Amino acid sequence: MAALLFHLRDVPDEEAMAVRDLLAEHDLAFYETEAGRWRLAVPALWLVDESRLEEARGLIDAYQQALHERVHQEHVDARARGEAPGLWDRLRQHPAAVLMTLIALGLMLGLSLLPFLTL
């Protein structure tokens, strides 16, 4: 019986391709399901041989840990060089989005507190 191995929803194409290559490299038979036209199904990689689930899970976990460490180090290096955008840089790049978010938060807060303020 097949076992769900790796969800593909919101996974970058590069990472999904790397996981597919990793499974193929270790001769782990798998198949892929897509989300479908209305995005109701589960886009995922399924392991055909459930008895090798721990092996496959270990490979994916090791890959994701290495990916996390690499991306984190790249971010730390970019911040050290002053190339990573900070909070103020992001606010300056998207002032309309920030303004709309603040207005929406104010409205939600006002509507939430209105019953208590009218007591």
PDB file of N, CA and C in Angstrom:
ATOM      1  N   MET A   1       0.842  -1.178   0.000  1.00  0.00           N
ATOM      2  CA  MET A   1       0.000   0.000   0.000  1.00  0.00           C
ATOM      3  C   MET A   1       0.888   1.243   0.000  1.00  0.00           C
ATOM      4  N   ALA A   2       0.490   2.261  -0.707  1.00  0.00           N
ATOM      5  CA  ALA A   2       1.265   3.494  -0.811  1.00  0.00           C
ATOM      6  C   ALA A   2       1.142   4.320   0.465  1.00  0.00           C
ATOM      7  N   ALA A   3       2.204   5.099   0.734  1.00  0.00           N
ATOM      8  CA  ALA A   3       2.225   5.955   1.917  1.00  0.00           C
ATOM      9  C   ALA A   3       2.535   7.384   1.498  1.00  0.00           C
ATOM     10  N   LEU A   4       1.817   8.322   2.091  1.00  0.00           N
ATOM     11  CA  LEU A   4       2.067   9.730   1.828  1.00  0.00           C
ATOM     12  C   LEU A   4       3.452  10.077   2.352  1.00  0.00           C
ATOM     13  N   LEU A   5       4.270  10.631   1.483  1.00  0.00           N
ATOM     14  CA  LEU A   5       5.658  10.898   1.844  1.00  0.00           C
ATOM     15  C   LEU A   5       5.957  12.391   1.948  1.00  0.00           C
ATOM     16  N   PHE A   6       5.464  13.188   0.995  1.00  0.00           N
ATOM     17  CA  PHE A   6       5.898  14.582   0.933  1.00  0.00           C
ATOM     18  C   PHE A   6       4.804  15.423   0.287  1.00  0.00           C
ATOM     19  N   HIS A   7       4.247  16.362   1.044  1.00  0.00           N
ATOM     20  CA  HIS A   7       3.251  17.284   0.491  1.00  0.00           C
ATOM     21  C   HIS A   7       3.933  18.274  -0.438  1.00  0.00           C
ATOM     22  N   LEU A   8       3.305  18.592  -1.560  1.00  0.00           N
ATOM     23  CA  LEU A   8       3.878  19.516  -2.535  1.00  0.00           C
ATOM     24  C   LEU A   8       3.195  20.880  -2.565  1.00  0.00           C
ATOM     25  N   ARG A   9       2.161  21.065  -1.757  1.00  0.00           N
ATOM     26  CA  ARG A   9       1.460  22.349  -1.750  1.00  0.00           C
ATOM     27  C   ARG A   9       2.396  23.425  -1.184  1.00  0.00           C
ATOM     28  N   ASP A  10       2.547  24.518  -1.922  1.00  0.00           N
ATOM     29  CA  ASP A  10       3.391  25.661  -1.537  1.00  0.00           C
ATOM     30  C   ASP A  10       4.880  25.318  -1.461  1.00  0.00           C
ATOM     31  N   VAL A  11       5.304  24.249  -2.101  1.00  0.00           N
ATOM     32  CA  VAL A  11       6.725  23.889  -2.152  1.00  0.00           C
ATOM     33  C   VAL A  11       7.302  24.448  -3.445  1.00  0.00           C
ATOM     34  N   PRO A  12       8.442  25.138  -3.364  1.00  0.00           N
ATOM     35  CA  PRO A  12       9.057  25.660  -4.589  1.00  0.00           C
ATOM     36  C   PRO A  12       9.417  24.519  -5.552  1.00  0.00           C
ATOM     37  N   ASP A  13       9.361  24.811  -6.850  1.00  0.00           N
ATOM     38  CA  ASP A  13       9.649  23.793  -7.860  1.00  0.00           C
ATOM     39  C   ASP A  13      11.042  23.197  -7.700  1.00  0.00           C
ATOM     40  N   GLU A  14      12.021  24.023  -7.330  1.00  0.00           N
ATOM     41  CA  GLU A  14      13.391  23.532  -7.167  1.00  0.00           C
ATOM     42  C   GLU A  14      13.476  22.497  -6.051  1.00  0.00           C
ATOM     43  N   GLU A  15      12.803  22.761  -4.938  1.00  0.00           N
ATOM     44  CA  GLU A  15      12.828  21.821  -3.820  1.00  0.00           C
ATOM     45  C   GLU A  15      12.099  20.533  -4.182  1.00  0.00           C
ATOM     46  N   ALA A  16      10.949  20.651  -4.843  1.00  0.00           N
ATOM     47  CA  ALA A  16      10.204  19.458  -5.250  1.00  0.00           C
ATOM     48  C   ALA A  16      11.037  18.609  -6.206  1.00  0.00           C
ATOM     49  N   MET A  17      11.716  19.261  -7.151  1.00  0.00           N
ATOM     50  CA  MET A  17      12.554  18.521  -8.098  1.00  0.00           C
ATOM     51  C   MET A  17      13.719  17.854  -7.387  1.00  0.00           C
ATOM     52  N   ALA A  18      14.304  18.526  -6.404  1.00  0.00           N
ATOM     53  CA  ALA A  18      15.408  17.936  -5.648  1.00  0.00           C
ATOM     54  C   ALA A  18      14.949  16.707  -4.867  1.00  0.00           C
ATOM     55  N   VAL A  19      13.754  16.761  -4.306  1.00  0.00           N
ATOM     56  CA  VAL A  19      13.224  15.604  -3.562  1.00  0.00           C
ATOM     57  C   VAL A  19      12.945  14.448  -4.524  1.00  0.00           C
ATOM     58  N   ARG A  20      12.381  14.751  -5.693  1.00  0.00           N
ATOM     59  CA  ARG A  20      12.152  13.702  -6.695  1.00  0.00           C
ATOM     60  C   ARG A  20      13.473  13.047  -7.104  1.00  0.00           C
ATOM     61  N   ASP A  21      14.488  13.867  -7.353  1.00  0.00           N
ATOM     62  CA  ASP A  21      15.799  13.342  -7.742  1.00  0.00           C
ATOM     63  C   ASP A  21      16.406  12.502  -6.629  1.00  0.00           C
ATOM     64  N   LEU A  22      16.255  12.952  -5.388  1.00  0.00           N
ATOM     65  CA  LEU A  22      16.783  12.220  -4.238  1.00  0.00           C
ATOM     66  C   LEU A  22      16.142  10.839  -4.124  1.00  0.00           C
ATOM     67  N   LEU A  23      14.830  10.781  -4.293  1.00  0.00           N
ATOM     68  CA  LEU A  23      14.130   9.492  -4.220  1.00  0.00           C
ATOM     69  C   LEU A  23      14.545   8.580  -5.369  1.00  0.00           C
ATOM     70  N   ALA A  24      14.659   9.127  -6.565  1.00  0.00           N
ATOM     71  CA  ALA A  24      15.066   8.325  -7.722  1.00  0.00           C
ATOM     72  C   ALA A  24      16.499   7.833  -7.562  1.00  0.00           C
ATOM     73  N   GLU A  25      17.358   8.670  -7.006  1.00  0.00           N
ATOM     74  CA  GLU A  25      18.770   8.315  -6.807  1.00  0.00           C
ATOM     75  C   GLU A  25      18.914   7.127  -5.855  1.00  0.00           C
ATOM     76  N   HIS A  26      18.018   7.008  -4.900  1.00  0.00           N
ATOM     77  CA  HIS A  26      18.071   5.910  -3.925  1.00  0.00           C
ATOM     78  C   HIS A  26      17.109   4.769  -4.277  1.00  0.00           C
ATOM     79  N   ASP A  27      16.653   4.739  -5.510  1.00  0.00           N
ATOM     80  CA  ASP A  27      15.777   3.669  -6.017  1.00  0.00           C
ATOM     81  C   ASP A  27      14.524   3.480  -5.168  1.00  0.00           C
ATOM     82  N   LEU A  28      13.930   4.581  -4.777  1.00  0.00           N
ATOM     83  CA  LEU A  28      12.674   4.531  -4.037  1.00  0.00           C
ATOM     84  C   LEU A  28      11.547   4.826  -5.019  1.00  0.00           C
ATOM     85  N   ALA A  29      10.695   3.842  -5.240  1.00  0.00           N
ATOM     86  CA  ALA A  29       9.593   4.000  -6.185  1.00  0.00           C
ATOM     87  C   ALA A  29       8.524   4.905  -5.570  1.00  0.00           C
ATOM     88  N   PHE A  30       8.119   5.908  -6.339  1.00  0.00           N
ATOM     89  CA  PHE A  30       7.115   6.849  -5.858  1.00  0.00           C
ATOM     90  C   PHE A  30       6.255   7.297  -7.032  1.00  0.00           C
ATOM     91  N   TYR A  31       5.121   7.881  -6.714  1.00  0.00           N
ATOM     92  CA  TYR A  31       4.302   8.522  -7.731  1.00  0.00           C
ATOM     93  C   TYR A  31       3.809   9.847  -7.164  1.00  0.00           C
ATOM     94  N   GLU A  32       3.312  10.681  -8.063  1.00  0.00           N
ATOM     95  CA  GLU A  32       2.931  12.040  -7.689  1.00  0.00           C
ATOM     96  C   GLU A  32       1.463  12.287  -8.005  1.00  0.00           C
ATOM     97  N   THR A  33       0.797  12.962  -7.082  1.00  0.00           N
ATOM     98  CA  THR A  33      -0.571  13.392  -7.339  1.00  0.00           C
ATOM     99  C   THR A  33      -0.582  14.918  -7.425  1.00  0.00           C
ATOM    100  N   GLU A  34      -1.500  15.447  -8.223  1.00  0.00           N
ATOM    101  CA  GLU A  34      -1.608  16.888  -8.407  1.00  0.00           C
ATOM    102  C   GLU A  34      -2.830  17.426  -7.680  1.00  0.00           C
ATOM    103  N   ALA A  35      -2.889  18.732  -7.551  1.00  0.00           N
ATOM    104  CA  ALA A  35      -3.992  19.366  -6.828  1.00  0.00           C
ATOM    105  C   ALA A  35      -5.297  19.323  -7.617  1.00  0.00           C
ATOM    106  N   GLY A  36      -5.220  19.162  -8.923  1.00  0.00           N
ATOM    107  CA  GLY A  36      -6.426  19.113  -9.738  1.00  0.00           C
ATOM    108  C   GLY A  36      -6.871  20.490 -10.190  1.00  0.00           C
ATOM    109  N   ARG A  37      -7.892  20.520 -10.984  1.00  0.00           N
ATOM    110  CA  ARG A  37      -8.372  21.763 -11.584  1.00  0.00           C
ATOM    111  C   ARG A  37      -8.829  22.770 -10.530  1.00  0.00           C
ATOM    112  N   TRP A  38      -9.545  22.316  -9.512  1.00  0.00           N
ATOM    113  CA  TRP A  38     -10.066  23.228  -8.496  1.00  0.00           C
ATOM    114  C   TRP A  38      -9.226  23.239  -7.225  1.00  0.00           C
ATOM    115  N   ARG A  39      -8.060  22.635  -7.276  1.00  0.00           N
ATOM    116  CA  ARG A  39      -7.110  22.615  -6.156  1.00  0.00           C
ATOM    117  C   ARG A  39      -7.700  21.977  -4.900  1.00  0.00           C
ATOM    118  N   LEU A  40      -8.513  20.939  -5.086  1.00  0.00           N
ATOM    119  CA  LEU A  40      -9.125  20.264  -3.947  1.00  0.00           C
ATOM    120  C   LEU A  40      -8.366  19.006  -3.530  1.00  0.00           C
ATOM    121  N   ALA A  41      -7.634  18.404  -4.438  1.00  0.00           N
ATOM    122  CA  ALA A  41      -6.893  17.184  -4.131  1.00  0.00           C
ATOM    123  C   ALA A  41      -5.573  17.531  -3.434  1.00  0.00           C
ATOM    124  N   VAL A  42      -4.874  16.507  -3.003  1.00  0.00           N
ATOM    125  CA  VAL A  42      -3.618  16.677  -2.282  1.00  0.00           C
ATOM    126  C   VAL A  42      -2.446  16.534  -3.249  1.00  0.00           C
ATOM    127  N   PRO A  43      -1.727  17.626  -3.527  1.00  0.00           N
ATOM    128  CA  PRO A  43      -0.523  17.487  -4.343  1.00  0.00           C
ATOM    129  C   PRO A  43       0.584  16.930  -3.455  1.00  0.00           C
ATOM    130  N   ALA A  44       1.077  15.745  -3.815  1.00  0.00           N
ATOM    131  CA  ALA A  44       2.039  15.082  -2.932  1.00  0.00           C
ATOM    132  C   ALA A  44       2.833  14.032  -3.691  1.00  0.00           C
ATOM    133  N   LEU A  45       3.906  13.583  -3.030  1.00  0.00           N
ATOM    134  CA  LEU A  45       4.666  12.427  -3.483  1.00  0.00           C
ATOM    135  C   LEU A  45       4.286  11.270  -2.569  1.00  0.00           C
ATOM    136  N   TRP A  46       4.005  10.135  -3.183  1.00  0.00           N
ATOM    137  CA  TRP A  46       3.580   8.951  -2.443  1.00  0.00           C
ATOM    138  C   TRP A  46       4.604   7.855  -2.656  1.00  0.00           C
ATOM    139  N   LEU A  47       5.007   7.197  -1.597  1.00  0.00           N
ATOM    140  CA  LEU A  47       5.950   6.093  -1.670  1.00  0.00           C
ATOM    141  C   LEU A  47       5.186   4.804  -1.949  1.00  0.00           C
ATOM    142  N   VAL A  48       5.612   4.077  -2.982  1.00  0.00           N
ATOM    143  CA  VAL A  48       4.903   2.858  -3.373  1.00  0.00           C
ATOM    144  C   VAL A  48       5.102   1.768  -2.331  1.00  0.00           C
ATOM    145  N   ASP A  49       6.352   1.564  -1.887  1.00  0.00           N
ATOM    146  CA  ASP A  49       6.679   0.501  -0.933  1.00  0.00           C
ATOM    147  C   ASP A  49       6.708   1.085   0.477  1.00  0.00           C
ATOM    148  N   GLU A  50       5.647   0.857   1.220  1.00  0.00           N
ATOM    149  CA  GLU A  50       5.519   1.436   2.554  1.00  0.00           C
ATOM    150  C   GLU A  50       6.590   0.935   3.523  1.00  0.00           C
ATOM    151  N   SER A  51       7.180  -0.231   3.251  1.00  0.00           N
ATOM    152  CA  SER A  51       8.206  -0.774   4.136  1.00  0.00           C
ATOM    153  C   SER A  51       9.490   0.068   4.108  1.00  0.00           C
ATOM    154  N   ARG A  52       9.653   0.914   3.100  1.00  0.00           N
ATOM    155  CA  ARG A  52      10.848   1.766   3.004  1.00  0.00           C
ATOM    156  C   ARG A  52      10.555   3.215   3.398  1.00  0.00           C
ATOM    157  N   LEU A  53       9.441   3.405   4.115  1.00  0.00           N
ATOM    158  CA  LEU A  53       9.012   4.746   4.498  1.00  0.00           C
ATOM    159  C   LEU A  53      10.029   5.434   5.410  1.00  0.00           C
ATOM    160  N   GLU A  54      10.548   4.727   6.397  1.00  0.00           N
ATOM    161  CA  GLU A  54      11.511   5.337   7.317  1.00  0.00           C
ATOM    162  C   GLU A  54      12.772   5.771   6.585  1.00  0.00           C
ATOM    163  N   GLU A  55      13.247   4.957   5.664  1.00  0.00           N
ATOM    164  CA  GLU A  55      14.427   5.295   4.880  1.00  0.00           C
ATOM    165  C   GLU A  55      14.179   6.562   4.061  1.00  0.00           C
ATOM    166  N   ALA A  56      13.049   6.604   3.379  1.00  0.00           N
ATOM    167  CA  ALA A  56      12.712   7.760   2.545  1.00  0.00           C
ATOM    168  C   ALA A  56      12.519   9.005   3.404  1.00  0.00           C
ATOM    169  N   ARG A  57      11.832   8.856   4.516  1.00  0.00           N
ATOM    170  CA  ARG A  57      11.601   9.992   5.410  1.00  0.00           C
ATOM    171  C   ARG A  57      12.932  10.528   5.941  1.00  0.00           C
ATOM    172  N   GLY A  58      13.863   9.617   6.272  1.00  0.00           N
ATOM    173  CA  GLY A  58      15.181  10.035   6.752  1.00  0.00           C
ATOM    174  C   GLY A  58      15.950  10.813   5.696  1.00  0.00           C
ATOM    175  N   LEU A  59      15.872  10.371   4.444  1.00  0.00           N
ATOM    176  CA  LEU A  59      16.552  11.076   3.351  1.00  0.00           C
ATOM    177  C   LEU A  59      15.980  12.479   3.163  1.00  0.00           C
ATOM    178  N   ILE A  60      14.665  12.578   3.181  1.00  0.00           N
ATOM    179  CA  ILE A  60      14.025  13.886   2.996  1.00  0.00           C
ATOM    180  C   ILE A  60      14.325  14.800   4.182  1.00  0.00           C
ATOM    181  N   ASP A  61      14.283  14.261   5.392  1.00  0.00           N
ATOM    182  CA  ASP A  61      14.594  15.074   6.570  1.00  0.00           C
ATOM    183  C   ASP A  61      16.021  15.606   6.511  1.00  0.00           C
ATOM    184  N   ALA A  62      16.969  14.748   6.111  1.00  0.00           N
ATOM    185  CA  ALA A  62      18.364  15.181   6.000  1.00  0.00           C
ATOM    186  C   ALA A  62      18.510  16.254   4.926  1.00  0.00           C
ATOM    187  N   TYR A  63      17.831  16.077   3.792  1.00  0.00           N
ATOM    188  CA  TYR A  63      17.887  17.075   2.721  1.00  0.00           C
ATOM    189  C   TYR A  63      17.324  18.409   3.204  1.00  0.00           C
ATOM    190  N   GLN A  64      16.177  18.373   3.873  1.00  0.00           N
ATOM    191  CA  GLN A  64      15.553  19.612   4.328  1.00  0.00           C
ATOM    192  C   GLN A  64      16.386  20.302   5.402  1.00  0.00           C
ATOM    193  N   GLN A  65      17.039  19.537   6.262  1.00  0.00           N
ATOM    194  CA  GLN A  65      17.913  20.131   7.273  1.00  0.00           C
ATOM    195  C   GLN A  65      19.091  20.834   6.605  1.00  0.00           C
ATOM    196  N   ALA A  66      19.694  20.192   5.608  1.00  0.00           N
ATOM    197  CA  ALA A  66      20.810  20.802   4.880  1.00  0.00           C
ATOM    198  C   ALA A  66      20.345  22.049   4.133  1.00  0.00           C
ATOM    199  N   LEU A  67      19.161  21.986   3.529  1.00  0.00           N
ATOM    200  CA  LEU A  67      18.606  23.140   2.821  1.00  0.00           C
ATOM    201  C   LEU A  67      18.374  24.300   3.786  1.00  0.00           C
ATOM    202  N   HIS A  68      17.817  24.000   4.945  1.00  0.00           N
ATOM    203  CA  HIS A  68      17.566  25.024   5.951  1.00  0.00           C
ATOM    204  C   HIS A  68      18.869  25.698   6.373  1.00  0.00           C
ATOM    205  N   GLU A  69      19.890  24.905   6.646  1.00  0.00           N
ATOM    206  CA  GLU A  69      21.171  25.457   7.081  1.00  0.00           C
ATOM    207  C   GLU A  69      21.794  26.330   5.987  1.00  0.00           C
ATOM    208  N   ARG A  70      21.701  25.882   4.728  1.00  0.00           N
ATOM    209  CA  ARG A  70      22.277  26.645   3.619  1.00  0.00           C
ATOM    210  C   ARG A  70      21.555  27.984   3.438  1.00  0.00           C
ATOM    211  N   VAL A  71      20.227  27.953   3.433  1.00  0.00           N
ATOM    212  CA  VAL A  71      19.454  29.179   3.239  1.00  0.00           C
ATOM    213  C   VAL A  71      19.656  30.136   4.418  1.00  0.00           C
ATOM    214  N   HIS A  72      19.703  29.590   5.623  1.00  0.00           N
ATOM    215  CA  HIS A  72      19.932  30.425   6.803  1.00  0.00           C
ATOM    216  C   HIS A  72      21.300  31.097   6.717  1.00  0.00           C
ATOM    217  N   GLN A  73      22.320  30.343   6.329  1.00  0.00           N
ATOM    218  CA  GLN A  73      23.665  30.908   6.211  1.00  0.00           C
ATOM    219  C   GLN A  73      23.719  31.988   5.124  1.00  0.00           C
ATOM    220  N   GLU A  74      23.025  31.752   4.016  1.00  0.00           N
ATOM    221  CA  GLU A  74      22.965  32.774   2.956  1.00  0.00           C
ATOM    222  C   GLU A  74      22.319  34.059   3.468  1.00  0.00           C
ATOM    223  N   HIS A  75      21.271  33.919   4.269  1.00  0.00           N
ATOM    224  CA  HIS A  75      20.599  35.091   4.830  1.00  0.00           C
ATOM    225  C   HIS A  75      21.511  35.826   5.809  1.00  0.00           C
ATOM    226  N   VAL A  76      22.214  35.075   6.656  1.00  0.00           N
ATOM    227  CA  VAL A  76      23.145  35.692   7.612  1.00  0.00           C
ATOM    228  C   VAL A  76      24.244  36.433   6.862  1.00  0.00           C
ATOM    229  N   ASP A  77      24.774  35.824   5.806  1.00  0.00           N
ATOM    230  CA  ASP A  77      25.818  36.468   5.005  1.00  0.00           C
ATOM    231  C   ASP A  77      25.295  37.735   4.333  1.00  0.00           C
ATOM    232  N   ALA A  78      24.068  37.687   3.805  1.00  0.00           N
ATOM    233  CA  ALA A  78      23.485  38.858   3.153  1.00  0.00           C
ATOM    234  C   ALA A  78      23.276  39.990   4.155  1.00  0.00           C
ATOM    235  N   ARG A  79      22.841  39.656   5.364  1.00  0.00           N
ATOM    236  CA  ARG A  79      22.672  40.691   6.401  1.00  0.00           C
ATOM    237  C   ARG A  79      24.011  41.292   6.793  1.00  0.00           C
ATOM    238  N   ALA A  80      25.057  40.456   6.857  1.00  0.00           N
ATOM    239  CA  ALA A  80      26.388  40.950   7.219  1.00  0.00           C
ATOM    240  C   ALA A  80      26.916  41.905   6.147  1.00  0.00           C
ATOM    241  N   ARG A  81      26.576  41.639   4.887  1.00  0.00           N
ATOM    242  CA  ARG A  81      27.008  42.511   3.793  1.00  0.00           C
ATOM    243  C   ARG A  81      26.084  43.720   3.634  1.00  0.00           C
ATOM    244  N   GLY A  82      24.964  43.733   4.358  1.00  0.00           N
ATOM    245  CA  GLY A  82      24.018  44.835   4.258  1.00  0.00           C
ATOM    246  C   GLY A  82      23.105  44.729   3.051  1.00  0.00           C
ATOM    247  N   GLU A  83      22.972  43.560   2.474  1.00  0.00           N
ATOM    248  CA  GLU A  83      22.154  43.363   1.280  1.00  0.00           C
ATOM    249  C   GLU A  83      20.751  42.853   1.580  1.00  0.00           C
ATOM    250  N   ALA A  84      20.536  42.319   2.780  1.00  0.00           N
ATOM    251  CA  ALA A  84      19.211  41.784   3.133  1.00  0.00           C
ATOM    252  C   ALA A  84      18.296  42.947   3.513  1.00  0.00           C
ATOM    253  N   PRO A  85      17.093  42.995   2.959  1.00  0.00           N
ATOM    254  CA  PRO A  85      16.194  44.109   3.289  1.00  0.00           C
ATOM    255  C   PRO A  85      15.697  44.003   4.730  1.00  0.00           C
ATOM    256  N   GLY A  86      15.702  45.129   5.409  1.00  0.00           N
ATOM    257  CA  GLY A  86      15.185  45.190   6.767  1.00  0.00           C
ATOM    258  C   GLY A  86      13.723  45.592   6.770  1.00  0.00           C
ATOM    259  N   LEU A  87      13.184  45.794   7.948  1.00  0.00           N
ATOM    260  CA  LEU A  87      11.771  46.158   8.082  1.00  0.00           C
ATOM    261  C   LEU A  87      11.483  47.487   7.407  1.00  0.00           C
ATOM    262  N   TRP A  88      12.322  48.493   7.644  1.00  0.00           N
ATOM    263  CA  TRP A  88      12.087  49.811   7.063  1.00  0.00           C
ATOM    264  C   TRP A  88      12.209  49.781   5.545  1.00  0.00           C
ATOM    265  N   ASP A  89      13.118  48.946   5.017  1.00  0.00           N
ATOM    266  CA  ASP A  89      13.250  48.818   3.565  1.00  0.00           C
ATOM    267  C   ASP A  89      11.970  48.260   2.960  1.00  0.00           C
ATOM    268  N   ARG A  90      11.414  47.267   3.602  1.00  0.00           N
ATOM    269  CA  ARG A  90      10.165  46.669   3.097  1.00  0.00           C
ATOM    270  C   ARG A  90       9.003  47.653   3.195  1.00  0.00           C
ATOM    271  N   LEU A  91       8.969  48.436   4.271  1.00  0.00           N
ATOM    272  CA  LEU A  91       7.907  49.429   4.421  1.00  0.00           C
ATOM    273  C   LEU A  91       8.018  50.498   3.341  1.00  0.00           C
ATOM    274  N   ARG A  92       9.253  50.913   3.031  1.00  0.00           N
ATOM    275  CA  ARG A  92       9.456  51.912   1.994  1.00  0.00           C
ATOM    276  C   ARG A  92       9.101  51.383   0.605  1.00  0.00           C
ATOM    277  N   GLN A  93       9.300  50.097   0.374  1.00  0.00           N
ATOM    278  CA  GLN A  93       9.009  49.511  -0.935  1.00  0.00           C
ATOM    279  C   GLN A  93       7.517  49.371  -1.188  1.00  0.00           C
ATOM    280  N   HIS A  94       6.733  49.142  -0.135  1.00  0.00           N
ATOM    281  CA  HIS A  94       5.293  48.891  -0.286  1.00  0.00           C
ATOM    282  C   HIS A  94       4.485  49.769   0.673  1.00  0.00           C
ATOM    283  N   PRO A  95       4.530  51.090   0.518  1.00  0.00           N
ATOM    284  CA  PRO A  95       3.821  51.961   1.473  1.00  0.00           C
ATOM    285  C   PRO A  95       2.307  51.804   1.411  1.00  0.00           C
ATOM    286  N   ALA A  96       1.750  51.564   0.222  1.00  0.00           N
ATOM    287  CA  ALA A  96       0.292  51.427   0.118  1.00  0.00           C
ATOM    288  C   ALA A  96      -0.189  50.180   0.853  1.00  0.00           C
ATOM    289  N   ALA A  97       0.532  49.091   0.721  1.00  0.00           N
ATOM    290  CA  ALA A  97       0.148  47.853   1.402  1.00  0.00           C
ATOM    291  C   ALA A  97       0.229  48.023   2.915  1.00  0.00           C
ATOM    292  N   VAL A  98       1.250  48.719   3.384  1.00  0.00           N
ATOM    293  CA  VAL A  98       1.396  48.954   4.819  1.00  0.00           C
ATOM    294  C   VAL A  98       0.255  49.830   5.319  1.00  0.00           C
ATOM    295  N   LEU A  99      -0.065  50.885   4.574  1.00  0.00           N
ATOM    296  CA  LEU A  99      -1.151  51.785   4.963  1.00  0.00           C
ATOM    297  C   LEU A  99      -2.496  51.045   5.010  1.00  0.00           C
ATOM    298  N   MET A 100      -2.770  50.252   3.991  1.00  0.00           N
ATOM    299  CA  MET A 100      -4.030  49.493   3.965  1.00  0.00           C
ATOM    300  C   MET A 100      -4.088  48.490   5.121  1.00  0.00           C
ATOM    301  N   THR A 101      -2.970  47.859   5.436  1.00  0.00           N
ATOM    302  CA  THR A 101      -2.926  46.911   6.550  1.00  0.00           C
ATOM    303  C   THR A 101      -3.206  47.625   7.866  1.00  0.00           C
ATOM    304  N   LEU A 102      -2.599  48.790   8.061  1.00  0.00           N
ATOM    305  CA  LEU A 102      -2.829  49.541   9.294  1.00  0.00           C
ATOM    306  C   LEU A 102      -4.282  50.004   9.405  1.00  0.00           C
ATOM    307  N   ILE A 103      -4.870  50.433   8.296  1.00  0.00           N
ATOM    308  CA  ILE A 103      -6.275  50.834   8.300  1.00  0.00           C
ATOM    309  C   ILE A 103      -7.167  49.639   8.633  1.00  0.00           C
ATOM    310  N   ALA A 104      -6.893  48.486   8.023  1.00  0.00           N
ATOM    311  CA  ALA A 104      -7.685  47.283   8.294  1.00  0.00           C
ATOM    312  C   ALA A 104      -7.560  46.862   9.760  1.00  0.00           C
ATOM    313  N   LEU A 105      -6.356  46.927  10.306  1.00  0.00           N
ATOM    314  CA  LEU A 105      -6.169  46.581  11.722  1.00  0.00           C
ATOM    315  C   LEU A 105      -6.925  47.554  12.624  1.00  0.00           C
ATOM    316  N   GLY A 106      -6.875  48.849  12.282  1.00  0.00           N
ATOM    317  CA  GLY A 106      -7.608  49.839  13.068  1.00  0.00           C
ATOM    318  C   GLY A 106      -9.105  49.598  13.039  1.00  0.00           C
ATOM    319  N   LEU A 107      -9.633  49.266  11.852  1.00  0.00           N
ATOM    320  CA  LEU A 107     -11.069  48.981  11.740  1.00  0.00           C
ATOM    321  C   LEU A 107     -11.456  47.743  12.544  1.00  0.00           C
ATOM    322  N   MET A 108     -10.655  46.699  12.437  1.00  0.00           N
ATOM    323  CA  MET A 108     -10.963  45.474  13.191  1.00  0.00           C
ATOM    324  C   MET A 108     -10.898  45.734  14.688  1.00  0.00           C
ATOM    325  N   LEU A 109      -9.886  46.463  15.126  1.00  0.00           N
ATOM    326  CA  LEU A 109      -9.765  46.784  16.540  1.00  0.00           C
ATOM    327  C   LEU A 109     -10.942  47.651  17.000  1.00  0.00           C
ATOM    328  N   GLY A 110     -11.297  48.640  16.189  1.00  0.00           N
ATOM    329  CA  GLY A 110     -12.422  49.499  16.534  1.00  0.00           C
ATOM    330  C   GLY A 110     -13.727  48.734  16.622  1.00  0.00           C
ATOM    331  N   LEU A 111     -13.994  47.876  15.636  1.00  0.00           N
ATOM    332  CA  LEU A 111     -15.225  47.085  15.664  1.00  0.00           C
ATOM    333  C   LEU A 111     -15.236  46.094  16.820  1.00  0.00           C
ATOM    334  N   SER A 112     -14.084  45.574  17.172  1.00  0.00           N
ATOM    335  CA  SER A 112     -14.017  44.626  18.292  1.00  0.00           C
ATOM    336  C   SER A 112     -14.254  45.318  19.629  1.00  0.00           C
ATOM    337  N   LEU A 113     -13.772  46.536  19.758  1.00  0.00           N
ATOM    338  CA  LEU A 113     -13.898  47.250  21.029  1.00  0.00           C
ATOM    339  C   LEU A 113     -15.171  48.074  21.144  1.00  0.00           C
ATOM    340  N   LEU A 114     -15.873  48.307  20.053  1.00  0.00           N
ATOM    341  CA  LEU A 114     -17.072  49.134  20.041  1.00  0.00           C
ATOM    342  C   LEU A 114     -18.113  48.712  21.086  1.00  0.00           C
ATOM    343  N   PRO A 115     -18.436  47.427  21.198  1.00  0.00           N
ATOM    344  CA  PRO A 115     -19.440  47.049  22.220  1.00  0.00           C
ATOM    345  C   PRO A 115     -19.002  47.389  23.628  1.00  0.00           C
ATOM    346  N   PHE A 116     -17.715  47.304  23.908  1.00  0.00           N
ATOM    347  CA  PHE A 116     -17.242  47.594  25.251  1.00  0.00           C
ATOM    348  C   PHE A 116     -17.152  49.092  25.532  1.00  0.00           C
ATOM    349  N   LEU A 117     -16.923  49.854  24.482  1.00  0.00           N
ATOM    350  CA  LEU A 117     -16.806  51.299  24.652  1.00  0.00           C
ATOM    351  C   LEU A 117     -18.165  51.983  24.782  1.00  0.00           C
ATOM    352  N   THR A 118     -19.230  51.319  24.340  1.00  0.00           N
ATOM    353  CA  THR A 118     -20.569  51.898  24.409  1.00  0.00           C
ATOM    354  C   THR A 118     -21.329  51.468  25.663  1.00  0.00           C
ATOM    355  N   LEU A 119     -20.695  50.779  26.562  1.00  0.00           N
ATOM    356  CA  LEU A 119     -21.390  50.341  27.791  1.00  0.00           C
ATOM    357  C   LEU A 119     -21.722  51.476  28.697  1.00  0.00           C
TER     358      LEU A 119
END
